[in-house]
Amino acid sequence: MRVSMNEMTTYRWTFEQDVAAYARAGFSAIGIWRQKVADCGEARARSLLSSSGLAVSNLLWAGGFTGHDGRSLRESIDDAAEAIRLAQLLGAGTLVVYSGPRGGHTHNHARRLVREALKELLPQAAELGVVLAIEPMHAQCASDWTFLTCLEETLAFIDGLGNTALKMVFDTYQLGFPPPDMGRVAEVASRVAVVHLGDGRAPPQQEQNRCRLGEGVVPLAELVAALRAGGFDGYFDVELLGEDIEASQYEALLGHSQQACQRLTATVAAAG
């Protein structure tokens, strides 16, 4: 089980702090947030990554193709193209993509906008060796991010593009309320580019509110086992955010997450 730590978890820290602390805590990879790289500078970010030995599991994020944030479709496509370039530069094989919400569009028009954007971007992504990974979200916290709110809807949308450079993000928090059928999770594991590992005590209500791994009700061991049984061998990227997490001391949170992932690995191995 390859484990990564996502920079959203340590929201208040800088890129420099994240890299040093993740390596110190024993993580082998980092999930990068573009904003922190922008603050740090690309050249320095590359140097820090090289010195730390951390691999890059995925880069967050591009998308918003439906114009909800005020950008034109052209602007959001150009931004995504820049994100693909950055992913390749930093050694991230996966770029997370949020479609953008439906907003004032019809369902069909919103889908057309996103398909149009992805059709333009996928050749560049394939050329640079970057997989675009669409992330569905729980319906109760998706309103500003995406119109894709369930596993099957997301897979159907991906199928409509018919491109091997397009996969999905499986976020255990977003897709864990209610828990999905584990047999189906195993069946679709090959369609997953990266797993975002999150837990929660209850489904989201407008805002995400995750908790430390193992302290919620998401069936993490079962989900990890199903994904691995289906052949997923990518990164499990720990992504924790929300009011409860923001109250945490980050160094302690990293240590707890590392231990929780070790327990998950042992539990899955024992069951298999």
C-alpha atoms as a PDB file:
ATOM      1  CA  MET A   1       0.000   0.000   0.000  1.00  0.00           C
ATOM      2  CA  ARG A   2       1.669   3.189  -1.218  1.00  0.00           C
ATOM      3  CA  VAL A   3       0.760   6.075   1.071  1.00  0.00           C
ATOM      4  CA  SER A   4       0.970   9.790   0.348  1.00  0.00           C
ATOM      5  CA  MET A   5       0.104  12.876   2.382  1.00  0.00           C
ATOM      6  CA  ASN A   6      -1.956  15.621   0.751  1.00  0.00           C
ATOM      7  CA  GLU A   7      -1.127  19.280   1.343  1.00  0.00           C
ATOM      8  CA  MET A   8      -4.774  20.090   2.005  1.00  0.00           C
ATOM      9  CA  THR A   9      -4.336  18.210   5.291  1.00  0.00           C
ATOM     10  CA  THR A  10      -1.791  20.750   6.518  1.00  0.00           C
ATOM     11  CA  TYR A  11      -3.676  23.691   5.067  1.00  0.00           C
ATOM     12  CA  ARG A  12      -1.927  26.410   7.093  1.00  0.00           C
ATOM     13  CA  TRP A  13       1.617  25.255   6.378  1.00  0.00           C
ATOM     14  CA  THR A  14       3.771  26.363   3.452  1.00  0.00           C
ATOM     15  CA  PHE A  15       5.102  24.056   0.761  1.00  0.00           C
ATOM     16  CA  GLU A  16       8.496  24.154   2.445  1.00  0.00           C
ATOM     17  CA  GLN A  17       7.006  23.107   5.780  1.00  0.00           C
ATOM     18  CA  ASP A  18       4.949  20.360   4.171  1.00  0.00           C
ATOM     19  CA  VAL A  19       7.867  18.749   2.357  1.00  0.00           C
ATOM     20  CA  ALA A  20      10.105  18.745   5.423  1.00  0.00           C
ATOM     21  CA  ALA A  21       7.418  17.470   7.797  1.00  0.00           C
ATOM     22  CA  TYR A  22       6.060  14.764   5.485  1.00  0.00           C
ATOM     23  CA  ALA A  23       9.528  13.337   4.912  1.00  0.00           C
ATOM     24  CA  ARG A  24      10.249  13.498   8.637  1.00  0.00           C
ATOM     25  CA  ALA A  25       6.991  11.660   9.395  1.00  0.00           C
ATOM     26  CA  GLY A  26       7.969   8.811   7.081  1.00  0.00           C
ATOM     27  CA  PHE A  27       5.729   9.458   4.090  1.00  0.00           C
ATOM     28  CA  SER A  28       7.182   8.481   0.721  1.00  0.00           C
ATOM     29  CA  ALA A  29       5.012  10.789  -1.387  1.00  0.00           C
ATOM     30  CA  ILE A  30       3.140  14.084  -1.356  1.00  0.00           C
ATOM     31  CA  GLY A  31      -0.126  15.215  -2.910  1.00  0.00           C
ATOM     32  CA  ILE A  32       0.557  18.764  -4.068  1.00  0.00           C
ATOM     33  CA  TRP A  33      -1.759  21.761  -3.978  1.00  0.00           C
ATOM     34  CA  ARG A  34      -0.982  24.157  -6.842  1.00  0.00           C
ATOM     35  CA  GLN A  35      -1.440  27.273  -4.724  1.00  0.00           C
ATOM     36  CA  LYS A  36       1.384  26.279  -2.396  1.00  0.00           C
ATOM     37  CA  VAL A  37       3.711  25.712  -5.345  1.00  0.00           C
ATOM     38  CA  ALA A  38       2.784  29.146  -6.697  1.00  0.00           C
ATOM     39  CA  ASP A  39       3.663  30.683  -3.339  1.00  0.00           C
ATOM     40  CA  CYS A  40       6.945  28.775  -3.158  1.00  0.00           C
ATOM     41  CA  GLY A  41       8.014  29.089  -6.790  1.00  0.00           C
ATOM     42  CA  GLU A  42       8.340  26.218  -9.249  1.00  0.00           C
ATOM     43  CA  ALA A  43      12.135  26.015  -9.286  1.00  0.00           C
ATOM     44  CA  ARG A  44      12.406  25.969  -5.499  1.00  0.00           C
ATOM     45  CA  ALA A  45       9.561  23.446  -5.248  1.00  0.00           C
ATOM     46  CA  ARG A  46      11.365  21.083  -7.627  1.00  0.00           C
ATOM     47  CA  SER A  47      14.584  21.469  -5.675  1.00  0.00           C
ATOM     48  CA  LEU A  48      12.871  20.771  -2.352  1.00  0.00           C
ATOM     49  CA  LEU A  49      11.172  17.679  -3.747  1.00  0.00           C
ATOM     50  CA  SER A  50      14.434  16.387  -5.160  1.00  0.00           C
ATOM     51  CA  SER A  51      16.265  16.909  -1.874  1.00  0.00           C
ATOM     52  CA  SER A  52      13.499  15.323   0.189  1.00  0.00           C
ATOM     53  CA  GLY A  53      13.157  12.171  -1.885  1.00  0.00           C
ATOM     54  CA  LEU A  54       9.367  12.523  -1.879  1.00  0.00           C
ATOM     55  CA  ALA A  55       7.503  11.275  -4.932  1.00  0.00           C
ATOM     56  CA  VAL A  56       4.436  13.203  -6.116  1.00  0.00           C
ATOM     57  CA  SER A  57       1.205  11.217  -5.998  1.00  0.00           C
ATOM     58  CA  ASN A  58      -1.109  13.777  -7.590  1.00  0.00           C
ATOM     59  CA  LEU A  59      -1.532  17.486  -8.232  1.00  0.00           C
ATOM     60  CA  LEU A  60      -4.614  19.445  -7.166  1.00  0.00           C
ATOM     61  CA  TRP A  61      -6.426  20.779  -9.151  1.00  0.00           C
ATOM     62  CA  ALA A  62      -7.802  21.990 -12.485  1.00  0.00           C
ATOM     63  CA  GLY A  63     -11.301  22.353 -13.874  1.00  0.00           C
ATOM     64  CA  GLY A  64     -14.261  24.573 -13.171  1.00  0.00           C
ATOM     65  CA  PHE A  65     -15.204  24.345 -16.836  1.00  0.00           C
ATOM     66  CA  THR A  66     -18.825  25.384 -16.281  1.00  0.00           C
ATOM     67  CA  GLY A  67     -17.900  28.984 -15.414  1.00  0.00           C
ATOM     68  CA  HIS A  68     -19.238  29.001 -11.855  1.00  0.00           C
ATOM     69  CA  ASP A  69     -16.123  30.832 -10.620  1.00  0.00           C
ATOM     70  CA  GLY A  70     -16.453  33.617 -13.191  1.00  0.00           C
ATOM     71  CA  ARG A  71     -13.868  32.348 -15.661  1.00  0.00           C
ATOM     72  CA  SER A  72     -14.669  31.741 -19.303  1.00  0.00           C
ATOM     73  CA  LEU A  73     -14.372  28.249 -20.730  1.00  0.00           C
ATOM     74  CA  ARG A  74     -11.248  29.365 -22.585  1.00  0.00           C
ATOM     75  CA  GLU A  75      -9.674  30.647 -19.377  1.00  0.00           C
ATOM     76  CA  SER A  76     -10.390  27.443 -17.483  1.00  0.00           C
ATOM     77  CA  ILE A  77      -9.001  25.320 -20.330  1.00  0.00           C
ATOM     78  CA  ASP A  78      -5.830  27.418 -20.474  1.00  0.00           C
ATOM     79  CA  ASP A  79      -5.447  27.111 -16.709  1.00  0.00           C
ATOM     80  CA  ALA A  80      -5.848  23.339 -16.924  1.00  0.00           C
ATOM     81  CA  ALA A  81      -3.228  23.184 -19.674  1.00  0.00           C
ATOM     82  CA  GLU A  82      -0.868  25.048 -17.365  1.00  0.00           C
ATOM     83  CA  ALA A  83      -1.684  22.577 -14.581  1.00  0.00           C
ATOM     84  CA  ILE A  84      -0.851  19.642 -16.871  1.00  0.00           C
ATOM     85  CA  ARG A  85       2.501  21.251 -17.639  1.00  0.00           C
ATOM     86  CA  LEU A  86       3.159  21.734 -13.917  1.00  0.00           C
ATOM     87  CA  ALA A  87       2.182  18.144 -13.140  1.00  0.00           C
ATOM     88  CA  GLN A  88       4.726  16.883 -15.657  1.00  0.00           C
ATOM     89  CA  LEU A  89       7.370  19.270 -14.326  1.00  0.00           C
ATOM     90  CA  LEU A  90       6.905  18.090 -10.740  1.00  0.00           C
ATOM     91  CA  GLY A  91       6.678  14.410 -11.630  1.00  0.00           C
ATOM     92  CA  ALA A  92       2.992  14.043 -10.821  1.00  0.00           C
ATOM     93  CA  GLY A  93       1.446  11.343 -12.965  1.00  0.00           C
ATOM     94  CA  THR A  94      -2.072  12.430 -12.013  1.00  0.00           C
ATOM     95  CA  LEU A  95      -3.879  15.779 -12.144  1.00  0.00           C
ATOM     96  CA  VAL A  96      -7.146  15.995 -10.209  1.00  0.00           C
ATOM     97  CA  VAL A  97     -10.009  17.594 -12.146  1.00  0.00           C
ATOM     98  CA  TYR A  98     -13.287  19.030 -10.840  1.00  0.00           C
ATOM     99  CA  SER A  99     -15.879  19.524 -13.553  1.00  0.00           C
ATOM    100  CA  GLY A 100     -17.449  22.617 -12.045  1.00  0.00           C
ATOM    101  CA  PRO A 101     -21.065  22.684 -10.833  1.00  0.00           C
ATOM    102  CA  ARG A 102     -24.066  22.754 -13.118  1.00  0.00           C
ATOM    103  CA  GLY A 103     -24.803  26.334 -12.112  1.00  0.00           C
ATOM    104  CA  GLY A 104     -27.408  27.919 -14.355  1.00  0.00           C
ATOM    105  CA  HIS A 105     -26.811  25.452 -17.173  1.00  0.00           C
ATOM    106  CA  THR A 106     -28.961  22.508 -18.112  1.00  0.00           C
ATOM    107  CA  HIS A 107     -27.455  19.138 -17.230  1.00  0.00           C
ATOM    108  CA  ASN A 108     -26.737  18.451 -20.889  1.00  0.00           C
ATOM    109  CA  HIS A 109     -25.061  21.796 -21.510  1.00  0.00           C
ATOM    110  CA  ALA A 110     -22.882  21.484 -18.400  1.00  0.00           C
ATOM    111  CA  ARG A 111     -21.714  18.095 -19.624  1.00  0.00           C
ATOM    112  CA  ARG A 112     -21.047  19.451 -23.108  1.00  0.00           C
ATOM    113  CA  LEU A 113     -18.825  22.199 -21.683  1.00  0.00           C
ATOM    114  CA  VAL A 114     -16.735  19.725 -19.695  1.00  0.00           C
ATOM    115  CA  ARG A 115     -16.492  17.272 -22.598  1.00  0.00           C
ATOM    116  CA  GLU A 116     -15.352  20.095 -24.880  1.00  0.00           C
ATOM    117  CA  ALA A 117     -12.646  21.087 -22.411  1.00  0.00           C
ATOM    118  CA  LEU A 118     -11.409  17.557 -21.831  1.00  0.00           C
ATOM    119  CA  LYS A 119     -11.312  16.725 -25.544  1.00  0.00           C
ATOM    120  CA  GLU A 120      -8.908  19.629 -25.989  1.00  0.00           C
ATOM    121  CA  LEU A 121      -6.798  18.787 -22.937  1.00  0.00           C
ATOM    122  CA  LEU A 122      -6.483  15.012 -23.159  1.00  0.00           C
ATOM    123  CA  PRO A 123      -4.004  14.939 -26.086  1.00  0.00           C
ATOM    124  CA  GLN A 124      -1.633  17.235 -24.159  1.00  0.00           C
ATOM    125  CA  ALA A 125      -2.034  15.141 -21.014  1.00  0.00           C
ATOM    126  CA  ALA A 126      -1.327  11.910 -22.896  1.00  0.00           C
ATOM    127  CA  GLU A 127       1.725  13.427 -24.591  1.00  0.00           C
ATOM    128  CA  LEU A 128       3.170  14.514 -21.234  1.00  0.00           C
ATOM    129  CA  GLY A 129       2.291  11.276 -19.447  1.00  0.00           C
ATOM    130  CA  VAL A 130      -0.268  12.831 -17.109  1.00  0.00           C
ATOM    131  CA  VAL A 131      -3.575  11.147 -16.295  1.00  0.00           C
ATOM    132  CA  LEU A 132      -6.544  13.469 -15.760  1.00  0.00           C
ATOM    133  CA  ALA A 133      -8.568  12.175 -12.816  1.00  0.00           C
ATOM    134  CA  ILE A 134     -12.131  13.410 -12.382  1.00  0.00           C
ATOM    135  CA  GLU A 135     -13.249  13.587  -8.771  1.00  0.00           C
ATOM    136  CA  PRO A 136     -16.909  13.046  -7.847  1.00  0.00           C
ATOM    137  CA  MET A 137     -18.110  14.519  -4.571  1.00  0.00           C
ATOM    138  CA  HIS A 138     -20.887  13.809  -2.112  1.00  0.00           C
ATOM    139  CA  ALA A 139     -24.016  15.679  -3.192  1.00  0.00           C
ATOM    140  CA  GLN A 140     -24.155  17.598   0.093  1.00  0.00           C
ATOM    141  CA  CYS A 141     -20.808  19.341  -0.463  1.00  0.00           C
ATOM    142  CA  ALA A 142     -20.511  19.392  -4.258  1.00  0.00           C
ATOM    143  CA  SER A 143     -22.461  22.551  -5.090  1.00  0.00           C
ATOM    144  CA  ASP A 144     -19.394  24.745  -5.752  1.00  0.00           C
ATOM    145  CA  TRP A 145     -17.258  22.022  -7.309  1.00  0.00           C
ATOM    146  CA  THR A 146     -18.939  19.451  -9.512  1.00  0.00           C
ATOM    147  CA  PHE A 147     -22.171  18.042 -10.882  1.00  0.00           C
ATOM    148  CA  LEU A 148     -20.734  14.508 -10.603  1.00  0.00           C
ATOM    149  CA  THR A 149     -21.904  13.100  -7.292  1.00  0.00           C
ATOM    150  CA  CYS A 150     -21.795   9.315  -7.553  1.00  0.00           C
ATOM    151  CA  LEU A 151     -19.560   6.530  -8.781  1.00  0.00           C
ATOM    152  CA  GLU A 152     -21.690   5.295 -11.677  1.00  0.00           C
ATOM    153  CA  GLU A 153     -22.419   8.763 -13.047  1.00  0.00           C
ATOM    154  CA  THR A 154     -18.709   9.553 -13.050  1.00  0.00           C
ATOM    155  CA  LEU A 155     -17.759   6.326 -14.801  1.00  0.00           C
ATOM    156  CA  ALA A 156     -20.442   6.873 -17.434  1.00  0.00           C
ATOM    157  CA  PHE A 157     -19.127  10.380 -18.076  1.00  0.00           C
ATOM    158  CA  ILE A 158     -15.562   9.072 -18.422  1.00  0.00           C
ATOM    159  CA  ASP A 159     -16.732   6.311 -20.767  1.00  0.00           C
ATOM    160  CA  GLY A 160     -18.255   8.963 -23.007  1.00  0.00           C
ATOM    161  CA  LEU A 161     -14.792  10.392 -23.690  1.00  0.00           C
ATOM    162  CA  GLY A 162     -13.197   7.021 -24.475  1.00  0.00           C
ATOM    163  CA  ASN A 163      -9.637   8.028 -23.582  1.00  0.00           C
ATOM    164  CA  THR A 164      -7.196   6.021 -21.455  1.00  0.00           C
ATOM    165  CA  ALA A 165      -5.652   9.260 -20.149  1.00  0.00           C
ATOM    166  CA  LEU A 166      -8.926   9.968 -18.311  1.00  0.00           C
ATOM    167  CA  LYS A 167      -9.648   8.174 -15.030  1.00  0.00           C
ATOM    168  CA  MET A 168     -11.248   9.053 -11.701  1.00  0.00           C
ATOM    169  CA  VAL A 169     -10.349   9.892  -8.126  1.00  0.00           C
ATOM    170  CA  PHE A 170     -11.846   7.553  -5.545  1.00  0.00           C
ATOM    171  CA  ASP A 171     -12.254   9.603  -2.372  1.00  0.00           C
ATOM    172  CA  THR A 172     -13.297   7.348   0.500  1.00  0.00           C
ATOM    173  CA  TYR A 173     -14.975  10.254   2.305  1.00  0.00           C
ATOM    174  CA  GLN A 174     -16.895  11.509  -0.716  1.00  0.00           C
ATOM    175  CA  LEU A 175     -17.999   8.028  -1.815  1.00  0.00           C
ATOM    176  CA  GLY A 176     -18.258   6.422   1.621  1.00  0.00           C
ATOM    177  CA  PHE A 177     -21.640   7.831   2.686  1.00  0.00           C
ATOM    178  CA  PRO A 178     -23.383   5.459   2.280  1.00  0.00           C
ATOM    179  CA  PRO A 179     -20.724   2.770   1.763  1.00  0.00           C
ATOM    180  CA  PRO A 180     -20.669   1.494  -1.826  1.00  0.00           C
ATOM    181  CA  ASP A 181     -20.924  -2.144  -2.827  1.00  0.00           C
ATOM    182  CA  MET A 182     -17.424  -3.543  -2.302  1.00  0.00           C
ATOM    183  CA  GLY A 183     -17.713  -5.922  -5.233  1.00  0.00           C
ATOM    184  CA  ARG A 184     -18.422  -2.978  -7.497  1.00  0.00           C
ATOM    185  CA  VAL A 185     -15.483  -1.060  -6.026  1.00  0.00           C
ATOM    186  CA  ALA A 186     -13.187  -3.958  -6.943  1.00  0.00           C
ATOM    187  CA  GLU A 187     -14.654  -4.055 -10.456  1.00  0.00           C
ATOM    188  CA  VAL A 188     -13.854  -0.402 -11.136  1.00  0.00           C
ATOM    189  CA  ALA A 189     -10.449  -0.297  -9.411  1.00  0.00           C
ATOM    190  CA  SER A 190      -8.619  -0.211 -12.740  1.00  0.00           C
ATOM    191  CA  ARG A 191     -10.440   3.039 -13.567  1.00  0.00           C
ATOM    192  CA  VAL A 192      -9.007   4.778 -10.486  1.00  0.00           C
ATOM    193  CA  ALA A 193      -5.906   6.965 -10.830  1.00  0.00           C
ATOM    194  CA  VAL A 194      -5.505   7.907  -7.164  1.00  0.00           C
ATOM    195  CA  VAL A 195      -7.354   7.237  -3.922  1.00  0.00           C
ATOM    196  CA  HIS A 196      -7.968  10.111  -1.529  1.00  0.00           C
ATOM    197  CA  LEU A 197      -8.082   8.548   1.899  1.00  0.00           C
ATOM    198  CA  GLY A 198     -10.471  10.333   4.240  1.00  0.00           C
ATOM    199  CA  ASP A 199     -12.733   9.464   7.149  1.00  0.00           C
ATOM    200  CA  GLY A 200     -15.731  11.139   8.758  1.00  0.00           C
ATOM    201  CA  ARG A 201     -18.117  10.675  11.646  1.00  0.00           C
ATOM    202  CA  ALA A 202     -21.124  11.705   9.545  1.00  0.00           C
ATOM    203  CA  PRO A 203     -21.925  12.653   5.949  1.00  0.00           C
ATOM    204  CA  PRO A 204     -20.964  16.193   4.899  1.00  0.00           C
ATOM    205  CA  GLN A 205     -23.482  18.992   5.341  1.00  0.00           C
ATOM    206  CA  GLN A 206     -22.595  21.796   2.900  1.00  0.00           C
ATOM    207  CA  GLU A 207     -18.975  21.735   4.118  1.00  0.00           C
ATOM    208  CA  GLN A 208     -16.652  18.773   4.434  1.00  0.00           C
ATOM    209  CA  ASN A 209     -15.772  17.834   7.999  1.00  0.00           C
ATOM    210  CA  ARG A 210     -13.378  14.928   8.022  1.00  0.00           C
ATOM    211  CA  CYS A 211     -11.855  13.336  11.086  1.00  0.00           C
ATOM    212  CA  ARG A 212      -8.629  11.489  11.771  1.00  0.00           C
ATOM    213  CA  LEU A 213      -8.330   8.153   9.989  1.00  0.00           C
ATOM    214  CA  GLY A 214     -10.010   5.359  11.901  1.00  0.00           C
ATOM    215  CA  GLU A 215     -12.056   7.669  14.121  1.00  0.00           C
ATOM    216  CA  GLY A 216     -15.047   7.882  11.777  1.00  0.00           C
ATOM    217  CA  VAL A 217     -17.503   5.441  10.282  1.00  0.00           C
ATOM    218  CA  VAL A 218     -16.166   5.121   6.726  1.00  0.00           C
ATOM    219  CA  PRO A 219     -15.242   1.430   6.155  1.00  0.00           C
ATOM    220  CA  LEU A 220     -11.649   2.202   5.214  1.00  0.00           C
ATOM    221  CA  ALA A 221     -10.256  -1.329   5.524  1.00  0.00           C
ATOM    222  CA  GLU A 222     -13.013  -2.769   3.346  1.00  0.00           C
ATOM    223  CA  LEU A 223     -12.594  -0.061   0.712  1.00  0.00           C
ATOM    224  CA  VAL A 224      -8.814  -0.435   0.610  1.00  0.00           C
ATOM    225  CA  ALA A 225      -9.136  -4.219   0.390  1.00  0.00           C
ATOM    226  CA  ALA A 226     -11.658  -3.976  -2.453  1.00  0.00           C
ATOM    227  CA  LEU A 227      -9.530  -1.534  -4.429  1.00  0.00           C
ATOM    228  CA  ARG A 228      -6.412  -3.648  -4.024  1.00  0.00           C
ATOM    229  CA  ALA A 229      -8.303  -6.830  -4.871  1.00  0.00           C
ATOM    230  CA  GLY A 230      -9.390  -5.133  -8.083  1.00  0.00           C
ATOM    231  CA  GLY A 231      -5.790  -4.402  -9.010  1.00  0.00           C
ATOM    232  CA  PHE A 232      -5.340  -0.810  -7.858  1.00  0.00           C
ATOM    233  CA  ASP A 233      -1.649  -0.275  -7.108  1.00  0.00           C
ATOM    234  CA  GLY A 234      -1.503   3.518  -7.040  1.00  0.00           C
ATOM    235  CA  TYR A 235      -1.265   5.947  -4.161  1.00  0.00           C
ATOM    236  CA  PHE A 236      -3.552   6.227  -1.175  1.00  0.00           C
ATOM    237  CA  ASP A 237      -3.267   9.976  -0.569  1.00  0.00           C
ATOM    238  CA  VAL A 238      -4.367  11.037   2.915  1.00  0.00           C
ATOM    239  CA  GLU A 239      -6.649  14.066   2.536  1.00  0.00           C
ATOM    240  CA  LEU A 240      -8.099  15.419   5.771  1.00  0.00           C
ATOM    241  CA  LEU A 241      -9.858  18.770   6.038  1.00  0.00           C
ATOM    242  CA  GLY A 242     -12.674  20.474   7.858  1.00  0.00           C
ATOM    243  CA  GLU A 243     -13.386  22.103  11.185  1.00  0.00           C
ATOM    244  CA  ASP A 244     -12.297  19.141  13.305  1.00  0.00           C
ATOM    245  CA  ILE A 245      -9.020  18.740  11.420  1.00  0.00           C
ATOM    246  CA  GLU A 246      -8.185  22.446  11.558  1.00  0.00           C
ATOM    247  CA  ALA A 247      -8.178  22.182  15.343  1.00  0.00           C
ATOM    248  CA  SER A 248      -5.461  19.514  15.139  1.00  0.00           C
ATOM    249  CA  GLN A 249      -1.777  19.954  15.780  1.00  0.00           C
ATOM    250  CA  TYR A 250      -0.311  19.105  12.402  1.00  0.00           C
ATOM    251  CA  GLU A 251       2.791  17.209  13.539  1.00  0.00           C
ATOM    252  CA  ALA A 252       0.621  14.956  15.696  1.00  0.00           C
ATOM    253  CA  LEU A 253      -1.874  14.545  12.846  1.00  0.00           C
ATOM    254  CA  LEU A 254       0.882  13.354  10.512  1.00  0.00           C
ATOM    255  CA  GLY A 255       2.074  10.827  13.065  1.00  0.00           C
ATOM    256  CA  HIS A 256      -1.430   9.556  13.682  1.00  0.00           C
ATOM    257  CA  SER A 257      -2.095   9.266   9.936  1.00  0.00           C
ATOM    258  CA  GLN A 258       1.091   7.287   9.392  1.00  0.00           C
ATOM    259  CA  GLN A 259       0.170   4.877  12.185  1.00  0.00           C
ATOM    260  CA  ALA A 260      -3.409   4.559  10.916  1.00  0.00           C
ATOM    261  CA  CYS A 261      -2.165   3.672   7.437  1.00  0.00           C
ATOM    262  CA  GLN A 262       0.192   1.068   8.873  1.00  0.00           C
ATOM    263  CA  ARG A 263      -2.739  -0.481  10.744  1.00  0.00           C
ATOM    264  CA  LEU A 264      -4.837  -0.409   7.578  1.00  0.00           C
ATOM    265  CA  THR A 265      -2.093  -2.165   5.649  1.00  0.00           C
ATOM    266  CA  ALA A 266      -1.793  -4.848   8.323  1.00  0.00           C
ATOM    267  CA  THR A 267      -5.559  -5.333   8.542  1.00  0.00           C
ATOM    268  CA  VAL A 268      -5.954  -5.689   4.787  1.00  0.00           C
ATOM    269  CA  ALA A 269      -2.985  -8.071   4.562  1.00  0.00           C
ATOM    270  CA  ALA A 270      -4.357 -10.246   7.374  1.00  0.00           C
ATOM    271  CA  ALA A 271      -7.792 -10.398   5.766  1.00  0.00           C
ATOM    272  CA  GLY A 272      -6.367 -11.257   2.364  1.00  0.00           C
END
